[in-house]
Amino acid sequence: MKNRIVRGIAGTFILLSILLAIYVNINWLWFTAFVGANLLQSSLTKWCLMDDILTKVFKIKD
């Protein structure tokens, strides 16, 4: 369940930052790159910051 939530949040962040880059400022693409880098990092290290945040704030377990 938590894995689906993390993926949903990441997808929402990416889509939102692309819309912001189109309509507000092109520099929002840096946020898209940041989210993508975090997804890559979490696939290599098996550690995800959003996973920890969901666990601590919302008490969501695996």
C-alpha atoms as a PDB file:
ATOM      1  CA  MET A   1       0.000   0.000   0.000  1.00  0.00           C
ATOM      2  CA  LYS A   2       2.732   2.461   0.969  1.00  0.00           C
ATOM      3  CA  ASN A   3       4.622   1.734  -2.252  1.00  0.00           C
ATOM      4  CA  ARG A   4       1.565   2.743  -4.293  1.00  0.00           C
ATOM      5  CA  ILE A   5       1.208   5.958  -2.296  1.00  0.00           C
ATOM      6  CA  VAL A   6       4.882   6.858  -2.840  1.00  0.00           C
ATOM      7  CA  ARG A   7       4.545   6.254  -6.585  1.00  0.00           C
ATOM      8  CA  GLY A   8       1.364   8.321  -6.701  1.00  0.00           C
ATOM      9  CA  ILE A   9       3.001  11.225  -4.897  1.00  0.00           C
ATOM     10  CA  ALA A  10       6.060  11.070  -7.179  1.00  0.00           C
ATOM     11  CA  GLY A  11       3.872  11.029 -10.287  1.00  0.00           C
ATOM     12  CA  THR A  12       1.820  13.940  -9.001  1.00  0.00           C
ATOM     13  CA  PHE A  13       4.975  15.954  -8.234  1.00  0.00           C
ATOM     14  CA  ILE A  14       6.350  15.305 -11.720  1.00  0.00           C
ATOM     15  CA  LEU A  15       3.141  16.240 -13.521  1.00  0.00           C
ATOM     16  CA  LEU A  16       2.650  19.324 -11.348  1.00  0.00           C
ATOM     17  CA  SER A  17       6.210  20.530 -11.915  1.00  0.00           C
ATOM     18  CA  ILE A  18       5.847  20.085 -15.681  1.00  0.00           C
ATOM     19  CA  LEU A  19       2.678  22.176 -15.640  1.00  0.00           C
ATOM     20  CA  LEU A  20       4.428  24.808 -13.534  1.00  0.00           C
ATOM     21  CA  ALA A  21       7.351  24.809 -15.984  1.00  0.00           C
ATOM     22  CA  ILE A  22       4.973  25.401 -18.895  1.00  0.00           C
ATOM     23  CA  TYR A  23       2.792  28.071 -17.308  1.00  0.00           C
ATOM     24  CA  VAL A  24       4.977  29.737 -14.648  1.00  0.00           C
ATOM     25  CA  ASN A  25       8.729  29.320 -15.076  1.00  0.00           C
ATOM     26  CA  ILE A  26      10.960  26.846 -16.910  1.00  0.00           C
ATOM     27  CA  ASN A  27      13.099  26.460 -13.768  1.00  0.00           C
ATOM     28  CA  TRP A  28      10.412  24.193 -12.276  1.00  0.00           C
ATOM     29  CA  LEU A  29      11.978  21.444 -14.380  1.00  0.00           C
ATOM     30  CA  TRP A  30      14.737  21.323 -11.750  1.00  0.00           C
ATOM     31  CA  PHE A  31      12.111  19.976  -9.355  1.00  0.00           C
ATOM     32  CA  THR A  32      11.205  17.318 -11.925  1.00  0.00           C
ATOM     33  CA  ALA A  33      14.884  16.342 -12.133  1.00  0.00           C
ATOM     34  CA  PHE A  34      15.081  16.217  -8.326  1.00  0.00           C
ATOM     35  CA  VAL A  35      12.115  13.840  -8.106  1.00  0.00           C
ATOM     36  CA  GLY A  36      13.551  11.666 -10.872  1.00  0.00           C
ATOM     37  CA  ALA A  37      16.954  11.544  -9.158  1.00  0.00           C
ATOM     38  CA  ASN A  38      15.306  10.517  -5.896  1.00  0.00           C
ATOM     39  CA  LEU A  39      13.388   7.742  -7.670  1.00  0.00           C
ATOM     40  CA  LEU A  40      16.639   6.485  -9.209  1.00  0.00           C
ATOM     41  CA  GLN A  41      18.471   6.720  -5.878  1.00  0.00           C
ATOM     42  CA  SER A  42      15.733   4.817  -4.056  1.00  0.00           C
ATOM     43  CA  SER A  43      15.817   2.026  -6.631  1.00  0.00           C
ATOM     44  CA  LEU A  44      19.572   1.608  -6.116  1.00  0.00           C
ATOM     45  CA  THR A  45      19.781   1.982  -2.330  1.00  0.00           C
ATOM     46  CA  LYS A  46      16.332   0.633  -1.342  1.00  0.00           C
ATOM     47  CA  TRP A  47      15.843   3.743   0.847  1.00  0.00           C
ATOM     48  CA  CYS A  48      13.216   6.392   0.140  1.00  0.00           C
ATOM     49  CA  LEU A  49      12.735   9.630   2.058  1.00  0.00           C
ATOM     50  CA  MET A  50       9.010   9.785   1.223  1.00  0.00           C
ATOM     51  CA  ASP A  51       8.665   6.268   2.607  1.00  0.00           C
ATOM     52  CA  ASP A  52      10.137   7.441   5.924  1.00  0.00           C
ATOM     53  CA  ILE A  53       7.933  10.556   5.968  1.00  0.00           C
ATOM     54  CA  LEU A  54       4.764   8.496   5.430  1.00  0.00           C
ATOM     55  CA  THR A  55       5.793   6.082   8.167  1.00  0.00           C
ATOM     56  CA  LYS A  56       6.498   8.811  10.731  1.00  0.00           C
ATOM     57  CA  VAL A  57       3.741  11.294   9.942  1.00  0.00           C
ATOM     58  CA  PHE A  58       0.838   9.035   9.029  1.00  0.00           C
ATOM     59  CA  LYS A  59       1.916   5.809  10.760  1.00  0.00           C
ATOM     60  CA  ILE A  60       1.555   3.906   7.476  1.00  0.00           C
ATOM     61  CA  LYS A  61       3.278   0.527   7.562  1.00  0.00           C
ATOM     62  CA  ASP A  62       4.174  -1.819   4.689  1.00  0.00           C
END
